[in-house]
Amino acid sequence: MNRILHKNVALLRVGDKGALDELRAVVDLDAHVLGWVSDTEAVLDPHTLKELLMALEARGMSALVRRVGQSG
């Protein structure tokens, strides 16, 4: 049996904790994190995702954004 716990969530995945520390140094990441899956993966607030992406871009950084599971 499959249960859907959340729909339309955004996930952040970084390669290692060092990359996460670098990210935290340039943006207020905690303002966008709903919870942590692991030391390098977080569930982001989809309502503030655009704001986070714009903050990264303003600092010369970019993120790979990929949509998955678009079925109804």
C-alpha atoms as a PDB file:
ATOM      1  CA  MET A   1       0.000   0.000   0.000  1.00  0.00           C
ATOM      2  CA  ASN A   2       1.312   3.449  -0.954  1.00  0.00           C
ATOM      3  CA  ARG A   3       0.476   6.513   1.092  1.00  0.00           C
ATOM      4  CA  ILE A   4       1.103  10.038  -0.070  1.00  0.00           C
ATOM      5  CA  LEU A   5       2.336  12.090   2.857  1.00  0.00           C
ATOM      6  CA  HIS A   6       3.096  15.316   1.007  1.00  0.00           C
ATOM      7  CA  LYS A   7       2.650  16.652  -2.494  1.00  0.00           C
ATOM      8  CA  ASN A   8       4.586  19.362  -4.293  1.00  0.00           C
ATOM      9  CA  VAL A   9       7.579  19.483  -1.973  1.00  0.00           C
ATOM     10  CA  ALA A  10      11.000  20.798  -2.859  1.00  0.00           C
ATOM     11  CA  LEU A  11      14.106  18.858  -1.874  1.00  0.00           C
ATOM     12  CA  LEU A  12      17.608  20.188  -1.418  1.00  0.00           C
ATOM     13  CA  ARG A  13      20.447  17.739  -1.912  1.00  0.00           C
ATOM     14  CA  VAL A  14      24.118  18.689  -1.608  1.00  0.00           C
ATOM     15  CA  GLY A  15      27.158  16.505  -2.180  1.00  0.00           C
ATOM     16  CA  ASP A  16      28.620  16.877   1.302  1.00  0.00           C
ATOM     17  CA  LYS A  17      28.398  18.865   4.515  1.00  0.00           C
ATOM     18  CA  GLY A  18      31.070  21.277   3.267  1.00  0.00           C
ATOM     19  CA  ALA A  19      28.828  22.333   0.389  1.00  0.00           C
ATOM     20  CA  LEU A  20      26.004  22.818   2.863  1.00  0.00           C
ATOM     21  CA  ASP A  21      28.208  25.051   5.025  1.00  0.00           C
ATOM     22  CA  GLU A  22      29.106  27.135   1.954  1.00  0.00           C
ATOM     23  CA  LEU A  23      25.432  27.493   1.085  1.00  0.00           C
ATOM     24  CA  ARG A  24      24.560  28.555   4.621  1.00  0.00           C
ATOM     25  CA  ALA A  25      27.315  31.180   4.493  1.00  0.00           C
ATOM     26  CA  VAL A  26      25.607  33.028   1.633  1.00  0.00           C
ATOM     27  CA  VAL A  27      21.861  32.517   2.234  1.00  0.00           C
ATOM     28  CA  ASP A  28      19.586  32.113   5.237  1.00  0.00           C
ATOM     29  CA  LEU A  29      18.901  28.481   4.435  1.00  0.00           C
ATOM     30  CA  ASP A  30      17.081  27.763   7.682  1.00  0.00           C
ATOM     31  CA  ALA A  31      14.330  30.195   6.652  1.00  0.00           C
ATOM     32  CA  HIS A  32      13.486  27.794   3.790  1.00  0.00           C
ATOM     33  CA  VAL A  33      13.934  24.371   5.416  1.00  0.00           C
ATOM     34  CA  LEU A  34      10.877  22.506   6.682  1.00  0.00           C
ATOM     35  CA  GLY A  35      12.853  19.482   7.855  1.00  0.00           C
ATOM     36  CA  TRP A  36      15.951  17.360   7.331  1.00  0.00           C
ATOM     37  CA  VAL A  37      15.982  13.947   5.680  1.00  0.00           C
ATOM     38  CA  SER A  38      19.719  13.426   6.259  1.00  0.00           C
ATOM     39  CA  ASP A  39      22.863  15.488   6.867  1.00  0.00           C
ATOM     40  CA  THR A  40      22.875  16.514   3.197  1.00  0.00           C
ATOM     41  CA  GLU A  41      19.174  16.466   2.247  1.00  0.00           C
ATOM     42  CA  ALA A  42      16.428  18.839   3.338  1.00  0.00           C
ATOM     43  CA  VAL A  43      12.759  19.359   2.591  1.00  0.00           C
ATOM     44  CA  LEU A  44      12.237  22.952   1.512  1.00  0.00           C
ATOM     45  CA  ASP A  45       9.163  25.105   1.766  1.00  0.00           C
ATOM     46  CA  PRO A  46       7.822  25.151  -1.804  1.00  0.00           C
ATOM     47  CA  HIS A  47       6.241  28.543  -1.139  1.00  0.00           C
ATOM     48  CA  THR A  48       9.663  30.149  -0.610  1.00  0.00           C
ATOM     49  CA  LEU A  49      11.592  28.165  -3.216  1.00  0.00           C
ATOM     50  CA  LYS A  50      11.537  30.970  -5.779  1.00  0.00           C
ATOM     51  CA  GLU A  51      12.881  33.391  -3.165  1.00  0.00           C
ATOM     52  CA  LEU A  52      15.712  30.984  -2.322  1.00  0.00           C
ATOM     53  CA  LEU A  53      16.605  30.480  -5.978  1.00  0.00           C
ATOM     54  CA  MET A  54      16.674  34.250  -6.536  1.00  0.00           C
ATOM     55  CA  ALA A  55      18.928  34.721  -3.480  1.00  0.00           C
ATOM     56  CA  LEU A  56      21.330  32.094  -4.835  1.00  0.00           C
ATOM     57  CA  GLU A  57      21.358  33.680  -8.277  1.00  0.00           C
ATOM     58  CA  ALA A  58      22.059  37.116  -6.773  1.00  0.00           C
ATOM     59  CA  ARG A  59      25.184  35.619  -5.196  1.00  0.00           C
ATOM     60  CA  GLY A  60      26.386  34.003  -8.414  1.00  0.00           C
ATOM     61  CA  MET A  61      25.174  30.518  -7.524  1.00  0.00           C
ATOM     62  CA  SER A  62      22.658  28.327  -9.277  1.00  0.00           C
ATOM     63  CA  ALA A  63      20.705  25.193  -8.519  1.00  0.00           C
ATOM     64  CA  LEU A  64      19.644  22.287 -10.653  1.00  0.00           C
ATOM     65  CA  VAL A  65      15.864  22.300 -10.517  1.00  0.00           C
ATOM     66  CA  ARG A  66      14.132  19.161 -11.668  1.00  0.00           C
ATOM     67  CA  ARG A  67      10.458  18.291 -11.591  1.00  0.00           C
ATOM     68  CA  VAL A  68       9.530  14.659 -11.013  1.00  0.00           C
ATOM     69  CA  GLY A  69       6.336  12.724 -10.451  1.00  0.00           C
ATOM     70  CA  GLN A  70       3.965  14.988 -12.334  1.00  0.00           C
ATOM     71  CA  SER A  71       1.222  12.364 -12.432  1.00  0.00           C
ATOM     72  CA  GLY A  72      -2.213  13.106 -10.968  1.00  0.00           C
END
